[in-house]
Amino acid sequence: MATLRIEHAIHDYETWQHAFDKFQDARAAAGVRSYAIRQPTDDPYFLMLDLEFETVALAESFAQFLWQHVWSSASSSPALAGSPQTRVLELVRAAS
């Protein structure tokens, strides 16, 4: 299992959420199994997303898609403030 961790500032959550929802089919086609959106309690203008994939290769491929087709266009990412940071993570250990 691999996680694509994305962190970035936003201008407005509702605008961001609307743009995020427009890419639901692209996420499914890319192999996103699940996702979590987190926001710091003291900063409503910052988001952290964890997109879960079966493999590292799928996570890396989707990161490239985001850089090339989403974040490169203001119309595709209208609420984005600044440049996103991405990192692909592999699950080493988990407990519940």
N, C-alpha and C. Protein backbone atom coordinates (compact mmCIF):
# COMPACT_ATOMS: atom_id res chain seq x y z
N MET A 1 0.85 -1.18 0.00
CA MET A 1 0.00 0.00 0.00
C MET A 1 0.89 1.24 0.00
N ALA A 2 0.46 2.26 -0.73
CA ALA A 2 1.21 3.51 -0.84
C ALA A 2 0.25 4.68 -0.65
N THR A 3 0.79 5.75 -0.11
CA THR A 3 0.03 6.96 0.12
C THR A 3 0.68 8.11 -0.62
N LEU A 4 -0.12 8.88 -1.35
CA LEU A 4 0.35 10.14 -1.91
C LEU A 4 -0.09 11.22 -0.93
N ARG A 5 0.88 11.81 -0.23
CA ARG A 5 0.60 12.89 0.72
C ARG A 5 0.77 14.21 -0.01
N ILE A 6 -0.27 15.03 0.05
CA ILE A 6 -0.26 16.35 -0.59
C ILE A 6 -0.53 17.39 0.48
N GLU A 7 0.27 18.43 0.49
CA GLU A 7 0.07 19.54 1.42
C GLU A 7 0.10 20.84 0.62
N HIS A 8 -0.89 21.69 0.86
CA HIS A 8 -0.86 22.99 0.20
C HIS A 8 -1.81 23.98 0.85
N ALA A 9 -1.49 25.25 0.62
CA ALA A 9 -2.34 26.34 1.08
C ALA A 9 -3.48 26.54 0.09
N ILE A 10 -4.60 27.05 0.59
CA ILE A 10 -5.76 27.34 -0.26
C ILE A 10 -6.28 28.74 0.07
N HIS A 11 -7.08 29.27 -0.85
CA HIS A 11 -7.72 30.56 -0.62
C HIS A 11 -9.09 30.40 0.04
N ASP A 12 -9.79 29.32 -0.32
CA ASP A 12 -11.16 29.13 0.13
C ASP A 12 -11.49 27.65 0.06
N TYR A 13 -11.99 27.08 1.17
CA TYR A 13 -12.25 25.64 1.19
C TYR A 13 -13.38 25.23 0.25
N GLU A 14 -14.47 25.96 0.23
CA GLU A 14 -15.60 25.57 -0.61
C GLU A 14 -15.22 25.54 -2.09
N THR A 15 -14.47 26.53 -2.54
CA THR A 15 -14.00 26.56 -3.92
C THR A 15 -13.08 25.39 -4.18
N TRP A 16 -12.18 25.12 -3.24
CA TRP A 16 -11.26 23.99 -3.37
C TRP A 16 -12.04 22.69 -3.45
N GLN A 17 -13.02 22.49 -2.57
CA GLN A 17 -13.80 21.25 -2.53
C GLN A 17 -14.53 21.03 -3.84
N HIS A 18 -15.08 22.08 -4.40
CA HIS A 18 -15.78 21.96 -5.68
C HIS A 18 -14.82 21.47 -6.77
N ALA A 19 -13.62 22.05 -6.83
CA ALA A 19 -12.63 21.64 -7.83
C ALA A 19 -12.17 20.20 -7.56
N PHE A 20 -11.97 19.84 -6.31
CA PHE A 20 -11.57 18.48 -5.94
C PHE A 20 -12.60 17.47 -6.40
N ASP A 21 -13.86 17.77 -6.18
CA ASP A 21 -14.94 16.86 -6.55
C ASP A 21 -15.01 16.64 -8.06
N LYS A 22 -14.62 17.62 -8.85
CA LYS A 22 -14.66 17.48 -10.31
C LYS A 22 -13.70 16.41 -10.81
N PHE A 23 -12.70 16.04 -9.99
CA PHE A 23 -11.72 15.05 -10.39
C PHE A 23 -11.98 13.67 -9.78
N GLN A 24 -13.20 13.43 -9.32
CA GLN A 24 -13.55 12.14 -8.72
C GLN A 24 -13.30 10.99 -9.69
N ASP A 25 -13.73 11.13 -10.92
CA ASP A 25 -13.54 10.06 -11.91
C ASP A 25 -12.06 9.84 -12.21
N ALA A 26 -11.29 10.91 -12.27
CA ALA A 26 -9.85 10.78 -12.52
C ALA A 26 -9.17 10.04 -11.38
N ARG A 27 -9.58 10.32 -10.15
CA ARG A 27 -9.00 9.61 -9.00
C ARG A 27 -9.33 8.12 -9.08
N ALA A 28 -10.56 7.80 -9.38
CA ALA A 28 -10.97 6.40 -9.47
C ALA A 28 -10.20 5.68 -10.59
N ALA A 29 -10.08 6.31 -11.74
CA ALA A 29 -9.36 5.71 -12.86
C ALA A 29 -7.88 5.53 -12.56
N ALA A 30 -7.33 6.38 -11.70
CA ALA A 30 -5.91 6.31 -11.36
C ALA A 30 -5.62 5.29 -10.27
N GLY A 31 -6.68 4.74 -9.67
CA GLY A 31 -6.47 3.71 -8.65
C GLY A 31 -6.52 4.20 -7.22
N VAL A 32 -7.06 5.39 -6.99
CA VAL A 32 -7.20 5.86 -5.60
C VAL A 32 -8.22 4.98 -4.91
N ARG A 33 -7.79 4.30 -3.86
CA ARG A 33 -8.67 3.39 -3.12
C ARG A 33 -9.48 4.13 -2.06
N SER A 34 -8.87 5.14 -1.46
CA SER A 34 -9.54 5.96 -0.45
C SER A 34 -8.73 7.23 -0.28
N TYR A 35 -9.34 8.19 0.40
CA TYR A 35 -8.60 9.42 0.68
C TYR A 35 -9.07 10.01 2.00
N ALA A 36 -8.22 10.84 2.57
CA ALA A 36 -8.55 11.59 3.77
C ALA A 36 -8.07 13.02 3.56
N ILE A 37 -8.91 13.96 3.93
CA ILE A 37 -8.57 15.38 3.84
C ILE A 37 -8.49 15.89 5.28
N ARG A 38 -7.37 16.49 5.61
CA ARG A 38 -7.17 17.02 6.96
C ARG A 38 -6.82 18.50 6.88
N GLN A 39 -7.21 19.20 7.94
CA GLN A 39 -6.95 20.62 8.02
C GLN A 39 -6.45 20.94 9.42
N PRO A 40 -5.36 21.70 9.53
CA PRO A 40 -4.91 22.09 10.86
C PRO A 40 -6.01 22.85 11.59
N THR A 41 -6.14 22.62 12.88
CA THR A 41 -7.20 23.29 13.65
C THR A 41 -6.98 24.79 13.74
N ASP A 42 -5.76 25.23 13.53
CA ASP A 42 -5.47 26.66 13.65
C ASP A 42 -5.24 27.34 12.30
N ASP A 43 -5.53 26.65 11.19
CA ASP A 43 -5.28 27.24 9.87
C ASP A 43 -6.30 26.74 8.85
N PRO A 44 -7.40 27.47 8.65
CA PRO A 44 -8.42 27.05 7.69
C PRO A 44 -7.99 27.22 6.23
N TYR A 45 -6.79 27.74 6.01
CA TYR A 45 -6.30 27.96 4.65
C TYR A 45 -5.15 27.02 4.29
N PHE A 46 -5.14 25.85 4.91
CA PHE A 46 -4.12 24.84 4.62
C PHE A 46 -4.76 23.47 4.66
N LEU A 47 -4.38 22.59 3.71
CA LEU A 47 -4.92 21.24 3.66
C LEU A 47 -3.81 20.21 3.55
N MET A 48 -4.09 19.04 4.10
CA MET A 48 -3.23 17.87 3.95
C MET A 48 -4.13 16.74 3.46
N LEU A 49 -3.75 16.13 2.35
CA LEU A 49 -4.53 15.04 1.77
C LEU A 49 -3.68 13.79 1.73
N ASP A 50 -4.29 12.68 2.05
CA ASP A 50 -3.67 11.37 1.91
C ASP A 50 -4.53 10.57 0.95
N LEU A 51 -3.96 10.25 -0.22
CA LEU A 51 -4.63 9.43 -1.23
C LEU A 51 -3.98 8.06 -1.19
N GLU A 52 -4.78 7.03 -1.00
CA GLU A 52 -4.27 5.66 -0.84
C GLU A 52 -4.33 4.90 -2.17
N PHE A 53 -3.24 4.22 -2.49
CA PHE A 53 -3.09 3.44 -3.71
C PHE A 53 -2.60 2.04 -3.37
N GLU A 54 -2.77 1.13 -4.30
CA GLU A 54 -2.28 -0.24 -4.14
C GLU A 54 -0.76 -0.30 -4.26
N THR A 55 -0.18 0.55 -5.15
CA THR A 55 1.27 0.49 -5.38
C THR A 55 1.89 1.90 -5.38
N VAL A 56 3.19 1.94 -5.17
CA VAL A 56 3.95 3.18 -5.26
C VAL A 56 3.88 3.74 -6.68
N ALA A 57 3.97 2.88 -7.67
CA ALA A 57 3.92 3.33 -9.06
C ALA A 57 2.62 4.07 -9.38
N LEU A 58 1.50 3.57 -8.89
CA LEU A 58 0.22 4.26 -9.11
C LEU A 58 0.20 5.62 -8.43
N ALA A 59 0.73 5.70 -7.22
CA ALA A 59 0.78 6.97 -6.49
C ALA A 59 1.66 7.98 -7.22
N GLU A 60 2.81 7.52 -7.68
CA GLU A 60 3.72 8.41 -8.41
C GLU A 60 3.11 8.88 -9.72
N SER A 61 2.42 8.00 -10.39
CA SER A 61 1.78 8.36 -11.65
C SER A 61 0.69 9.41 -11.44
N PHE A 62 -0.09 9.26 -10.37
CA PHE A 62 -1.14 10.24 -10.12
C PHE A 62 -0.55 11.59 -9.70
N ALA A 63 0.55 11.57 -8.98
CA ALA A 63 1.22 12.83 -8.64
C ALA A 63 1.64 13.56 -9.91
N GLN A 64 2.16 12.84 -10.88
CA GLN A 64 2.54 13.45 -12.16
C GLN A 64 1.32 14.03 -12.87
N PHE A 65 0.22 13.30 -12.84
CA PHE A 65 -1.02 13.80 -13.44
C PHE A 65 -1.44 15.12 -12.78
N LEU A 66 -1.37 15.18 -11.47
CA LEU A 66 -1.75 16.41 -10.77
C LEU A 66 -0.87 17.58 -11.18
N TRP A 67 0.45 17.36 -11.21
CA TRP A 67 1.37 18.43 -11.60
C TRP A 67 1.13 18.88 -13.03
N GLN A 68 0.91 17.95 -13.94
CA GLN A 68 0.80 18.28 -15.35
C GLN A 68 -0.57 18.79 -15.78
N HIS A 69 -1.64 18.27 -15.16
CA HIS A 69 -2.97 18.56 -15.67
C HIS A 69 -3.90 19.32 -14.71
N VAL A 70 -3.55 19.38 -13.45
CA VAL A 70 -4.42 20.06 -12.48
C VAL A 70 -3.75 21.32 -11.97
N TRP A 71 -2.64 21.17 -11.32
CA TRP A 71 -2.00 22.33 -10.68
C TRP A 71 -1.35 23.28 -11.67
N SER A 72 -1.16 22.87 -12.89
CA SER A 72 -0.57 23.74 -13.91
C SER A 72 -1.58 24.73 -14.49
N SER A 73 -2.84 24.58 -14.13
CA SER A 73 -3.90 25.42 -14.68
C SER A 73 -4.71 26.06 -13.55
N ALA A 74 -4.78 27.38 -13.56
CA ALA A 74 -5.56 28.08 -12.54
C ALA A 74 -7.04 27.71 -12.60
N SER A 75 -7.54 27.39 -13.78
CA SER A 75 -8.96 27.03 -13.89
C SER A 75 -9.23 25.64 -13.30
N SER A 76 -8.24 24.77 -13.28
CA SER A 76 -8.39 23.44 -12.68
C SER A 76 -8.17 23.44 -11.18
N SER A 77 -7.46 24.43 -10.69
CA SER A 77 -7.16 24.51 -9.26
C SER A 77 -7.36 25.94 -8.77
N PRO A 78 -8.61 26.42 -8.81
CA PRO A 78 -8.89 27.83 -8.54
C PRO A 78 -8.61 28.29 -7.12
N ALA A 79 -8.61 27.42 -6.15
CA ALA A 79 -8.41 27.84 -4.77
C ALA A 79 -6.98 27.61 -4.28
N LEU A 80 -6.14 27.07 -5.14
CA LEU A 80 -4.76 26.77 -4.75
C LEU A 80 -3.99 28.05 -4.50
N ALA A 81 -3.29 28.10 -3.38
CA ALA A 81 -2.45 29.24 -3.03
C ALA A 81 -1.01 28.74 -2.92
N GLY A 82 -0.18 29.10 -3.86
CA GLY A 82 1.20 28.63 -3.82
C GLY A 82 1.35 27.28 -4.47
N SER A 83 2.50 26.67 -4.21
CA SER A 83 2.85 25.40 -4.84
C SER A 83 2.65 24.24 -3.87
N PRO A 84 1.95 23.20 -4.30
CA PRO A 84 1.76 22.03 -3.44
C PRO A 84 3.07 21.30 -3.18
N GLN A 85 3.11 20.59 -2.08
CA GLN A 85 4.21 19.68 -1.79
C GLN A 85 3.64 18.27 -1.81
N THR A 86 4.34 17.36 -2.47
CA THR A 86 3.89 15.98 -2.53
C THR A 86 4.99 15.06 -2.05
N ARG A 87 4.56 13.94 -1.54
CA ARG A 87 5.50 12.90 -1.11
C ARG A 87 4.76 11.58 -1.18
N VAL A 88 5.42 10.56 -1.74
CA VAL A 88 4.84 9.22 -1.77
C VAL A 88 5.39 8.44 -0.59
N LEU A 89 4.49 7.85 0.17
CA LEU A 89 4.85 7.12 1.39
C LEU A 89 4.48 5.65 1.25
N GLU A 90 5.31 4.79 1.81
CA GLU A 90 4.98 3.36 1.91
C GLU A 90 4.64 3.04 3.33
N LEU A 91 3.62 2.23 3.53
CA LEU A 91 3.23 1.81 4.85
C LEU A 91 4.26 0.83 5.40
N VAL A 92 4.83 1.18 6.55
CA VAL A 92 5.83 0.34 7.19
C VAL A 92 5.21 -0.48 8.31
N ARG A 93 4.32 0.17 9.05
CA ARG A 93 3.68 -0.51 10.17
C ARG A 93 2.39 0.23 10.52
N ALA A 94 1.38 -0.52 10.90
CA ALA A 94 0.12 0.09 11.32
C ALA A 94 -0.49 -0.76 12.44
N ALA A 95 -1.28 -0.11 13.27
CA ALA A 95 -1.98 -0.81 14.36
C ALA A 95 -3.31 -0.11 14.57
N SER A 96 -4.22 -0.84 15.18
CA SER A 96 -5.50 -0.21 15.54
C SER A 96 -5.98 -0.77 16.86
